Amino acid sequence: MGLRLVTPPFSEPIHLDEAKKHLRVDILEDDKLILALIRAARDIVEGFTHRALVLQTFDQVLDKFPAQINLMRSPLRKLVSIIYTDTDGISQTLSASKYEIDD
């Protein structure tokens, strides 16, 4: 069971210019460090809260097919598919008419 990042965020929740203004930094030499700190802070908050702060795509893998699937990272913007392995070992895609999303 696990969560795998498929598509990382295109942007961070705080822009570099905003962070530099808050930190009162006006030189370019620290830009890479500040961006790394912004990413690290987002990762920590998302891991602690189990919520995505920015748009990204995940695969969630489960050991079994439960009656209810709770997401390891929310909020859900779009469910692409539910794929499972049947008793013959063949991958199947669950029809969207067979489940409902309770957000």
N, C-alpha and C. Protein backbone atom coordinates (compact mmCIF):
# COMPACT_ATOMS: atom_id res chain seq x y z
N MET A 1 0.85 -1.17 0.00
CA MET A 1 0.00 0.00 0.00
C MET A 1 0.90 1.23 0.00
N GLY A 2 0.57 2.19 -0.85
CA GLY A 2 1.39 3.38 -0.89
C GLY A 2 0.87 4.44 -1.82
N LEU A 3 1.55 5.54 -1.80
CA LEU A 3 1.21 6.69 -2.61
C LEU A 3 2.44 7.04 -3.43
N ARG A 4 2.25 7.19 -4.75
CA ARG A 4 3.35 7.50 -5.65
C ARG A 4 3.03 8.77 -6.42
N LEU A 5 3.93 9.73 -6.38
CA LEU A 5 3.77 10.98 -7.12
C LEU A 5 4.00 10.71 -8.60
N VAL A 6 3.01 11.02 -9.44
CA VAL A 6 3.11 10.82 -10.88
C VAL A 6 3.50 12.14 -11.56
N THR A 7 2.77 13.20 -11.25
CA THR A 7 3.04 14.51 -11.83
C THR A 7 3.28 15.50 -10.70
N PRO A 8 4.50 16.00 -10.57
CA PRO A 8 4.77 16.95 -9.49
C PRO A 8 4.10 18.29 -9.74
N PRO A 9 4.04 19.13 -8.72
CA PRO A 9 3.43 20.46 -8.88
C PRO A 9 4.18 21.30 -9.92
N PHE A 10 3.43 22.11 -10.65
CA PHE A 10 4.03 23.04 -11.60
C PHE A 10 4.53 24.30 -10.89
N SER A 11 3.95 24.57 -9.72
CA SER A 11 4.36 25.74 -8.95
C SER A 11 4.20 25.43 -7.47
N GLU A 12 4.78 26.28 -6.66
CA GLU A 12 4.68 26.13 -5.21
C GLU A 12 3.58 27.05 -4.68
N PRO A 13 3.10 26.79 -3.46
CA PRO A 13 2.03 27.64 -2.92
C PRO A 13 2.49 29.07 -2.62
N ILE A 14 3.79 29.25 -2.47
CA ILE A 14 4.36 30.58 -2.24
C ILE A 14 5.39 30.83 -3.34
N HIS A 15 5.29 31.96 -4.00
CA HIS A 15 6.23 32.30 -5.06
C HIS A 15 7.53 32.84 -4.47
N LEU A 16 8.59 32.67 -5.22
CA LEU A 16 9.91 33.12 -4.78
C LEU A 16 9.91 34.60 -4.41
N ASP A 17 9.26 35.43 -5.22
CA ASP A 17 9.23 36.87 -4.94
C ASP A 17 8.56 37.17 -3.61
N GLU A 18 7.47 36.44 -3.31
CA GLU A 18 6.78 36.64 -2.04
C GLU A 18 7.67 36.26 -0.86
N ALA A 19 8.35 35.12 -0.99
CA ALA A 19 9.23 34.66 0.08
C ALA A 19 10.39 35.63 0.30
N LYS A 20 10.98 36.10 -0.80
CA LYS A 20 12.10 37.04 -0.69
C LYS A 20 11.66 38.36 -0.05
N LYS A 21 10.46 38.80 -0.39
CA LYS A 21 9.95 40.03 0.21
C LYS A 21 9.75 39.85 1.71
N HIS A 22 9.18 38.70 2.09
CA HIS A 22 8.95 38.41 3.51
C HIS A 22 10.29 38.31 4.26
N LEU A 23 11.27 37.69 3.62
CA LEU A 23 12.58 37.50 4.25
C LEU A 23 13.48 38.73 4.15
N ARG A 24 13.03 39.71 3.40
CA ARG A 24 13.81 40.93 3.15
C ARG A 24 15.15 40.59 2.48
N VAL A 25 15.07 39.71 1.46
CA VAL A 25 16.24 39.32 0.67
C VAL A 25 16.10 39.92 -0.71
N ASP A 26 17.11 40.64 -1.16
CA ASP A 26 17.03 41.25 -2.49
C ASP A 26 18.20 40.85 -3.39
N ILE A 27 18.94 39.82 -3.01
CA ILE A 27 20.03 39.32 -3.85
C ILE A 27 19.60 38.03 -4.54
N LEU A 28 20.26 37.66 -5.62
CA LEU A 28 19.91 36.47 -6.39
C LEU A 28 20.61 35.21 -5.87
N GLU A 29 21.69 35.36 -5.13
CA GLU A 29 22.52 34.24 -4.72
C GLU A 29 21.76 33.20 -3.88
N ASP A 30 20.73 33.62 -3.17
CA ASP A 30 19.99 32.71 -2.28
C ASP A 30 18.72 32.15 -2.90
N ASP A 31 18.46 32.45 -4.16
CA ASP A 31 17.22 32.00 -4.79
C ASP A 31 17.05 30.48 -4.75
N LYS A 32 18.10 29.73 -5.10
CA LYS A 32 17.99 28.26 -5.10
C LYS A 32 17.70 27.74 -3.70
N LEU A 33 18.35 28.29 -2.70
CA LEU A 33 18.13 27.87 -1.31
C LEU A 33 16.70 28.18 -0.87
N ILE A 34 16.22 29.37 -1.18
CA ILE A 34 14.87 29.76 -0.79
C ILE A 34 13.83 28.87 -1.48
N LEU A 35 14.04 28.58 -2.76
CA LEU A 35 13.12 27.67 -3.47
C LEU A 35 13.13 26.28 -2.85
N ALA A 36 14.30 25.79 -2.48
CA ALA A 36 14.40 24.48 -1.83
C ALA A 36 13.68 24.47 -0.49
N LEU A 37 13.79 25.56 0.24
CA LEU A 37 13.10 25.66 1.54
C LEU A 37 11.59 25.71 1.37
N ILE A 38 11.12 26.40 0.33
CA ILE A 38 9.68 26.44 0.04
C ILE A 38 9.18 25.04 -0.27
N ARG A 39 9.90 24.30 -1.13
CA ARG A 39 9.51 22.92 -1.48
C ARG A 39 9.52 22.03 -0.24
N ALA A 40 10.55 22.15 0.57
CA ALA A 40 10.65 21.32 1.78
C ALA A 40 9.50 21.62 2.74
N ALA A 41 9.16 22.89 2.90
CA ALA A 41 8.05 23.26 3.78
C ALA A 41 6.73 22.69 3.27
N ARG A 42 6.52 22.77 1.94
CA ARG A 42 5.29 22.20 1.38
C ARG A 42 5.24 20.70 1.60
N ASP A 43 6.36 20.01 1.36
CA ASP A 43 6.41 18.56 1.58
C ASP A 43 6.07 18.20 3.02
N ILE A 44 6.61 18.93 3.96
CA ILE A 44 6.36 18.65 5.38
C ILE A 44 4.89 18.87 5.71
N VAL A 45 4.33 19.99 5.28
CA VAL A 45 2.92 20.30 5.57
C VAL A 45 2.00 19.26 4.91
N GLU A 46 2.27 18.91 3.65
CA GLU A 46 1.43 17.91 2.96
C GLU A 46 1.53 16.55 3.64
N GLY A 47 2.72 16.16 4.07
CA GLY A 47 2.88 14.88 4.75
C GLY A 47 2.17 14.85 6.09
N PHE A 48 2.23 15.94 6.82
CA PHE A 48 1.61 16.01 8.15
C PHE A 48 0.08 16.08 8.06
N THR A 49 -0.43 16.85 7.08
CA THR A 49 -1.87 17.06 6.98
C THR A 49 -2.56 16.08 6.04
N HIS A 50 -1.79 15.35 5.22
CA HIS A 50 -2.32 14.44 4.20
C HIS A 50 -3.18 15.19 3.19
N ARG A 51 -2.80 16.43 2.93
CA ARG A 51 -3.52 17.27 1.98
C ARG A 51 -2.53 17.85 0.99
N ALA A 52 -2.94 17.93 -0.26
CA ALA A 52 -2.12 18.54 -1.30
C ALA A 52 -2.39 20.05 -1.31
N LEU A 53 -1.34 20.83 -1.21
CA LEU A 53 -1.50 22.28 -1.22
C LEU A 53 -1.58 22.85 -2.63
N VAL A 54 -1.04 22.12 -3.60
CA VAL A 54 -1.06 22.55 -5.00
C VAL A 54 -1.43 21.35 -5.87
N LEU A 55 -1.83 21.62 -7.09
CA LEU A 55 -2.26 20.57 -8.01
C LEU A 55 -1.11 19.62 -8.35
N GLN A 56 -1.35 18.32 -8.19
CA GLN A 56 -0.38 17.28 -8.53
C GLN A 56 -1.14 15.98 -8.73
N THR A 57 -0.49 15.00 -9.36
CA THR A 57 -1.15 13.73 -9.68
C THR A 57 -0.45 12.60 -8.93
N PHE A 58 -1.27 11.72 -8.31
CA PHE A 58 -0.76 10.60 -7.54
C PHE A 58 -1.39 9.29 -8.01
N ASP A 59 -0.65 8.20 -7.81
CA ASP A 59 -1.19 6.85 -7.87
C ASP A 59 -1.26 6.35 -6.44
N GLN A 60 -2.41 5.83 -6.07
CA GLN A 60 -2.56 5.23 -4.74
C GLN A 60 -2.73 3.74 -4.94
N VAL A 61 -1.87 2.95 -4.31
CA VAL A 61 -1.88 1.50 -4.46
C VAL A 61 -2.35 0.86 -3.16
N LEU A 62 -3.32 -0.05 -3.28
CA LEU A 62 -3.87 -0.74 -2.11
C LEU A 62 -3.59 -2.23 -2.21
N ASP A 63 -3.45 -2.89 -1.07
CA ASP A 63 -3.21 -4.34 -1.04
C ASP A 63 -4.45 -5.15 -1.34
N LYS A 64 -5.62 -4.57 -1.07
CA LYS A 64 -6.88 -5.26 -1.31
C LYS A 64 -7.91 -4.24 -1.78
N PHE A 65 -9.06 -4.75 -2.21
CA PHE A 65 -10.12 -3.89 -2.73
C PHE A 65 -11.17 -3.71 -1.64
N PRO A 66 -11.08 -2.63 -0.86
CA PRO A 66 -12.04 -2.42 0.23
C PRO A 66 -13.38 -1.88 -0.28
N ALA A 67 -14.37 -1.92 0.58
CA ALA A 67 -15.69 -1.38 0.23
C ALA A 67 -15.63 0.14 0.08
N GLN A 68 -14.74 0.77 0.85
CA GLN A 68 -14.58 2.22 0.79
C GLN A 68 -13.09 2.53 0.69
N ILE A 69 -12.73 3.41 -0.23
CA ILE A 69 -11.33 3.80 -0.39
C ILE A 69 -11.16 5.21 0.15
N ASN A 70 -10.30 5.34 1.13
CA ASN A 70 -9.97 6.66 1.67
C ASN A 70 -8.67 7.13 1.03
N LEU A 71 -8.68 8.34 0.54
CA LEU A 71 -7.51 8.87 -0.14
C LEU A 71 -6.41 9.19 0.85
N MET A 72 -5.17 8.90 0.44
CA MET A 72 -4.01 9.20 1.27
C MET A 72 -3.59 10.66 1.11
N ARG A 73 -4.12 11.33 0.10
CA ARG A 73 -3.83 12.74 -0.12
C ARG A 73 -5.09 13.37 -0.70
N SER A 74 -5.56 14.43 -0.09
CA SER A 74 -6.75 15.11 -0.57
C SER A 74 -6.42 16.59 -0.75
N PRO A 75 -7.23 17.42 -1.29
CA PRO A 75 -8.54 17.13 -1.85
C PRO A 75 -8.43 16.52 -3.24
N LEU A 76 -9.46 15.82 -3.61
CA LEU A 76 -9.52 15.20 -4.93
C LEU A 76 -10.09 16.21 -5.92
N ARG A 77 -9.36 16.48 -6.97
CA ARG A 77 -9.88 17.35 -8.03
C ARG A 77 -10.47 16.52 -9.16
N LYS A 78 -9.82 15.39 -9.44
CA LYS A 78 -10.29 14.55 -10.53
C LYS A 78 -9.80 13.13 -10.30
N LEU A 79 -10.68 12.17 -10.43
CA LEU A 79 -10.31 10.77 -10.38
C LEU A 79 -10.14 10.28 -11.81
N VAL A 80 -8.95 9.85 -12.16
CA VAL A 80 -8.68 9.42 -13.53
C VAL A 80 -9.20 8.01 -13.75
N SER A 81 -8.88 7.07 -12.85
CA SER A 81 -9.36 5.70 -13.02
C SER A 81 -9.11 4.91 -11.75
N ILE A 82 -9.86 3.81 -11.63
CA ILE A 82 -9.62 2.81 -10.60
C ILE A 82 -9.27 1.53 -11.35
N ILE A 83 -8.05 1.08 -11.17
CA ILE A 83 -7.56 -0.12 -11.85
C ILE A 83 -7.29 -1.18 -10.79
N TYR A 84 -7.75 -2.38 -11.02
CA TYR A 84 -7.56 -3.46 -10.07
C TYR A 84 -7.14 -4.72 -10.82
N THR A 85 -6.58 -5.67 -10.08
CA THR A 85 -6.18 -6.95 -10.64
C THR A 85 -7.24 -7.97 -10.26
N ASP A 86 -7.86 -8.61 -11.27
CA ASP A 86 -8.93 -9.57 -10.99
C ASP A 86 -8.34 -10.91 -10.53
N THR A 87 -9.21 -11.87 -10.26
CA THR A 87 -8.79 -13.17 -9.72
C THR A 87 -7.93 -13.96 -10.70
N ASP A 88 -7.98 -13.60 -11.99
CA ASP A 88 -7.14 -14.26 -13.00
C ASP A 88 -5.80 -13.54 -13.19
N GLY A 89 -5.58 -12.48 -12.40
CA GLY A 89 -4.33 -11.74 -12.50
C GLY A 89 -4.30 -10.73 -13.62
N ILE A 90 -5.46 -10.37 -14.15
CA ILE A 90 -5.56 -9.44 -15.27
C ILE A 90 -5.99 -8.06 -14.75
N SER A 91 -5.33 -7.01 -15.21
CA SER A 91 -5.70 -5.65 -14.82
C SER A 91 -7.01 -5.25 -15.47
N GLN A 92 -7.90 -4.71 -14.66
CA GLN A 92 -9.20 -4.26 -15.12
C GLN A 92 -9.41 -2.81 -14.66
N THR A 93 -10.17 -2.05 -15.43
CA THR A 93 -10.53 -0.70 -15.04
C THR A 93 -11.99 -0.70 -14.60
N LEU A 94 -12.22 -0.24 -13.39
CA LEU A 94 -13.58 -0.21 -12.84
C LEU A 94 -14.38 0.89 -13.54
N SER A 95 -15.56 0.53 -14.00
CA SER A 95 -16.43 1.49 -14.68
C SER A 95 -16.84 2.60 -13.70
N ALA A 96 -16.86 3.83 -14.19
CA ALA A 96 -17.25 4.96 -13.36
C ALA A 96 -18.67 4.82 -12.83
N SER A 97 -19.49 4.02 -13.47
CA SER A 97 -20.86 3.81 -13.00
C SER A 97 -20.91 2.90 -11.77
N LYS A 98 -19.79 2.28 -11.41
CA LYS A 98 -19.74 1.33 -10.30
C LYS A 98 -19.28 1.97 -8.99
N TYR A 99 -18.94 3.25 -9.00
CA TYR A 99 -18.51 3.90 -7.76
C TYR A 99 -19.01 5.34 -7.73
N GLU A 100 -18.99 5.91 -6.54
CA GLU A 100 -19.33 7.31 -6.39
C GLU A 100 -18.29 7.99 -5.52
N ILE A 101 -18.10 9.26 -5.74
CA ILE A 101 -17.13 10.04 -4.98
C ILE A 101 -17.88 10.86 -3.96
N ASP A 102 -17.52 10.71 -2.71
CA ASP A 102 -18.12 11.46 -1.61
C ASP A 102 -17.10 12.46 -1.11
N ASP A 103 -17.22 13.68 -1.61
CA ASP A 103 -16.25 14.70 -1.21
C ASP A 103 -16.83 15.62 -0.16
